[in-house]
Amino acid sequence: GQSALVRTPSLPGQVVTWTLETQGHRAGVVKLVYSPDGSWLAAAGQDGTIRLWDSQSGQLSGVLVDPNGPVADLAWSDDSRNLRLSDPTGAPRWWAWDLPTRTFTPIPASAPQSPTSVAAGLSWSRTADVASLSLEAVLSRWDLGWRGGLPPLCRTATCMGLSGDKSTLAVADADGAVSFLELGS
């Protein structure tokens, strides 16, 4: 199908927004994580799907429906090729992302797993981090200097992911929409 990439007017402070109107999750997003190489943004939804976005174009590249149930957490392997999904109990499941076919393949539990980077970019989820840090505290810790206060999209965010080079902030809301904010200097 056609991708619906809607560009909204620039926000103050050189924030440029793209909103993916028709390709979002059908429920809230619980985690946004950029790959270590900066190429991909993975989004885990309450609808039980993982959506993978091309971080350069903003295009939806793949959808994974994990038959094993809900996903509470996401992490990338260091080579940006595999995704580790964790269920609410913390039990991990691994999937390989194959770019040429744009498909996910389950990795057997017996297979050796590649290491997972904790520094692949920064991620914040309202449900996971609400007790420890406010949204403003997180953005301050990430050293994002907003002029004129927080963009409206951030105020309603359920989770956010910051690219490793701090050039793009991905923001998801309770309706499942994922938006990319290009961070101007």
Protein backbone atom coordinates (compact mmCIF):
# COMPACT_ATOMS: atom_id res chain seq x y z
CA GLY A 1 0.00 0.00 0.00
CA GLN A 2 0.91 3.62 -0.25
CA SER A 3 2.61 5.16 2.71
CA ALA A 4 0.97 8.21 4.13
CA LEU A 5 3.75 10.52 5.19
CA VAL A 6 2.20 13.80 6.25
CA ARG A 7 4.44 16.75 6.85
CA THR A 8 3.05 19.24 9.31
CA PRO A 9 4.16 22.86 9.53
CA SER A 10 7.44 23.55 11.29
CA LEU A 11 7.21 24.05 15.00
CA PRO A 12 9.10 26.78 16.79
CA GLY A 13 12.76 26.11 17.46
CA GLN A 14 13.48 24.38 14.14
CA VAL A 15 11.52 21.26 15.04
CA VAL A 16 10.32 19.55 11.89
CA THR A 17 7.62 16.94 12.30
CA TRP A 18 6.56 13.99 10.20
CA THR A 19 3.48 12.11 11.33
CA LEU A 20 2.73 8.64 10.03
CA GLU A 21 -1.01 8.85 9.89
CA THR A 22 -2.14 5.50 8.53
CA GLN A 23 0.71 3.26 9.53
CA GLY A 24 0.72 3.61 13.28
CA HIS A 25 -0.21 1.04 15.85
CA ARG A 26 -3.85 0.37 16.64
CA ALA A 27 -3.14 0.96 20.33
CA GLY A 28 -0.57 2.68 22.48
CA VAL A 29 3.15 2.28 21.88
CA VAL A 30 5.13 0.95 24.83
CA LYS A 31 8.71 1.25 23.57
CA LEU A 32 10.68 3.07 20.86
CA VAL A 33 14.30 2.05 20.27
CA TYR A 34 16.77 3.15 17.58
CA SER A 35 19.20 0.57 16.22
CA PRO A 36 22.90 1.08 17.09
CA ASP A 37 23.73 1.99 13.49
CA GLY A 38 20.92 4.56 13.44
CA SER A 39 19.16 2.98 10.44
CA TRP A 40 16.02 1.68 12.14
CA LEU A 41 13.46 2.62 14.74
CA ALA A 42 11.61 -0.28 16.35
CA ALA A 43 8.25 0.40 18.02
CA ALA A 44 6.47 -2.08 20.27
CA GLY A 45 2.71 -1.64 20.50
CA GLN A 46 0.06 -2.74 22.94
CA ASP A 47 -1.64 -4.27 19.90
CA GLY A 48 1.00 -7.01 20.03
CA THR A 49 2.97 -5.84 16.99
CA ILE A 50 6.48 -4.54 16.44
CA ARG A 51 6.76 -1.98 13.66
CA LEU A 52 10.08 -1.15 12.08
CA TRP A 53 10.62 2.28 10.51
CA ASP A 54 13.42 3.39 8.21
CA SER A 55 14.82 6.25 10.26
CA GLN A 56 16.06 8.17 7.21
CA SER A 57 12.84 8.19 5.18
CA GLY A 58 10.27 7.65 7.92
CA GLN A 59 8.83 4.77 5.88
CA LEU A 60 7.30 1.75 7.58
CA SER A 61 9.63 -1.10 6.57
CA GLY A 62 8.26 -4.13 8.35
CA VAL A 63 5.68 -5.39 10.81
CA LEU A 64 6.25 -8.28 13.20
CA VAL A 65 3.30 -9.97 14.85
CA ASP A 66 4.86 -12.08 17.58
CA PRO A 67 2.55 -15.05 18.23
CA ASN A 68 4.01 -15.45 21.73
CA GLY A 69 1.99 -12.63 23.24
CA PRO A 70 2.55 -9.09 24.46
CA VAL A 71 5.88 -7.29 24.36
CA ALA A 72 6.99 -5.21 27.31
CA ASP A 73 10.50 -4.30 26.21
CA LEU A 74 12.70 -4.14 23.10
CA ALA A 75 16.44 -4.07 22.50
CA TRP A 76 18.71 -4.31 19.46
CA SER A 77 21.76 -6.50 19.05
CA ASP A 78 25.03 -4.60 18.58
CA ASP A 79 25.10 -5.35 14.84
CA SER A 80 21.60 -3.83 14.34
CA ARG A 81 20.38 -7.08 12.78
CA ASN A 82 18.46 -8.77 15.58
CA LEU A 83 15.72 -7.63 17.95
CA ARG A 84 15.26 -8.96 21.46
CA LEU A 85 11.67 -8.84 22.66
CA SER A 86 10.83 -9.31 26.32
CA ASP A 87 7.41 -10.25 27.63
CA PRO A 88 6.01 -8.73 30.85
CA THR A 89 7.83 -11.38 32.90
CA GLY A 90 11.16 -10.44 31.29
CA ALA A 91 11.52 -13.67 29.29
CA PRO A 92 13.43 -12.86 26.07
CA ARG A 93 12.60 -13.83 22.50
CA TRP A 94 14.91 -13.10 19.55
CA TRP A 95 13.98 -12.21 15.98
CA ALA A 96 16.28 -11.59 13.03
CA TRP A 97 15.46 -8.72 10.67
CA ASP A 98 16.23 -9.56 7.04
CA LEU A 99 16.49 -6.37 5.03
CA PRO A 100 16.38 -7.83 1.47
CA THR A 101 13.10 -9.63 2.13
CA ARG A 102 11.90 -7.16 4.78
CA THR A 103 10.83 -10.00 7.02
CA PHE A 104 11.42 -11.15 10.58
CA THR A 105 12.58 -14.69 11.37
CA PRO A 106 12.50 -16.19 14.86
CA ILE A 107 15.90 -17.16 16.25
CA PRO A 108 15.78 -20.45 18.17
CA ALA A 109 16.46 -20.21 21.88
CA SER A 110 19.33 -22.69 21.43
CA ALA A 111 21.15 -20.40 18.97
CA PRO A 112 23.98 -18.21 20.28
CA GLN A 113 22.73 -14.67 20.79
CA SER A 114 24.64 -11.61 19.76
CA PRO A 115 25.26 -9.05 22.51
CA THR A 116 22.69 -6.35 23.06
CA SER A 117 23.78 -2.77 23.34
CA VAL A 118 22.39 -0.55 26.06
CA ALA A 119 23.83 2.52 24.34
CA ALA A 120 22.07 2.12 21.01
CA GLY A 121 20.32 5.43 21.46
CA LEU A 122 18.10 6.48 24.30
CA SER A 123 14.61 5.30 25.09
CA TRP A 124 11.97 6.42 27.57
CA SER A 125 8.58 4.93 28.35
CA ARG A 126 5.99 6.63 30.54
CA THR A 127 4.84 3.35 32.10
CA ALA A 128 8.33 2.04 32.84
CA ASP A 129 9.94 5.27 34.01
CA VAL A 130 7.08 7.25 35.50
CA ALA A 131 8.21 6.63 39.06
CA SER A 132 11.79 7.69 38.48
CA LEU A 133 11.95 10.56 36.00
CA SER A 134 9.50 13.09 34.60
CA LEU A 135 9.37 13.80 30.88
CA GLU A 136 11.11 17.13 31.41
CA ALA A 137 13.84 15.48 33.46
CA VAL A 138 14.42 12.89 30.73
CA LEU A 139 14.67 15.52 27.98
CA SER A 140 16.99 17.55 30.17
CA ARG A 141 19.16 14.47 30.84
CA TRP A 142 19.28 13.84 27.10
CA ASP A 143 20.53 17.41 26.74
CA LEU A 144 17.83 18.54 24.31
CA GLY A 145 17.62 22.29 24.58
CA TRP A 146 14.09 23.24 23.60
CA ARG A 147 13.57 26.93 23.04
CA GLY A 148 10.10 28.04 24.02
CA GLY A 149 9.22 24.93 26.02
CA LEU A 150 8.34 21.38 25.07
CA PRO A 151 6.77 20.69 21.67
CA PRO A 152 3.10 19.69 22.11
CA LEU A 153 3.83 16.20 20.78
CA CYS A 154 6.18 15.55 23.70
CA ARG A 155 3.58 16.55 26.29
CA THR A 156 1.30 13.67 25.28
CA ALA A 157 4.06 11.14 24.62
CA THR A 158 3.72 7.61 25.97
CA CYS A 159 7.28 6.83 24.94
CA MET A 160 10.21 8.39 23.10
CA GLY A 161 13.39 7.24 21.42
CA LEU A 162 16.40 9.40 20.65
CA SER A 163 18.74 8.48 17.80
CA GLY A 164 22.34 7.78 18.71
CA ASP A 165 23.54 10.98 17.01
CA LYS A 166 20.77 12.97 18.76
CA SER A 167 19.49 14.26 15.42
CA THR A 168 16.00 12.77 15.61
CA LEU A 169 13.51 12.21 18.40
CA ALA A 170 10.78 9.66 17.78
CA VAL A 171 7.62 10.25 19.81
CA ALA A 172 4.63 7.94 20.20
CA ASP A 173 1.25 8.70 21.75
CA ALA A 174 -1.57 6.70 23.31
CA ASP A 175 -3.33 6.45 19.94
CA GLY A 176 -0.39 4.61 18.40
CA ALA A 177 0.85 7.41 16.14
CA VAL A 178 4.62 7.63 15.77
CA SER A 179 6.12 11.01 14.86
CA PHE A 180 9.70 11.97 14.08
CA LEU A 181 11.04 15.32 15.29
CA GLU A 182 14.15 16.49 13.51
CA LEU A 183 16.21 18.35 16.07
CA GLY A 184 17.60 21.52 14.58
CA SER A 185 20.72 23.05 16.02
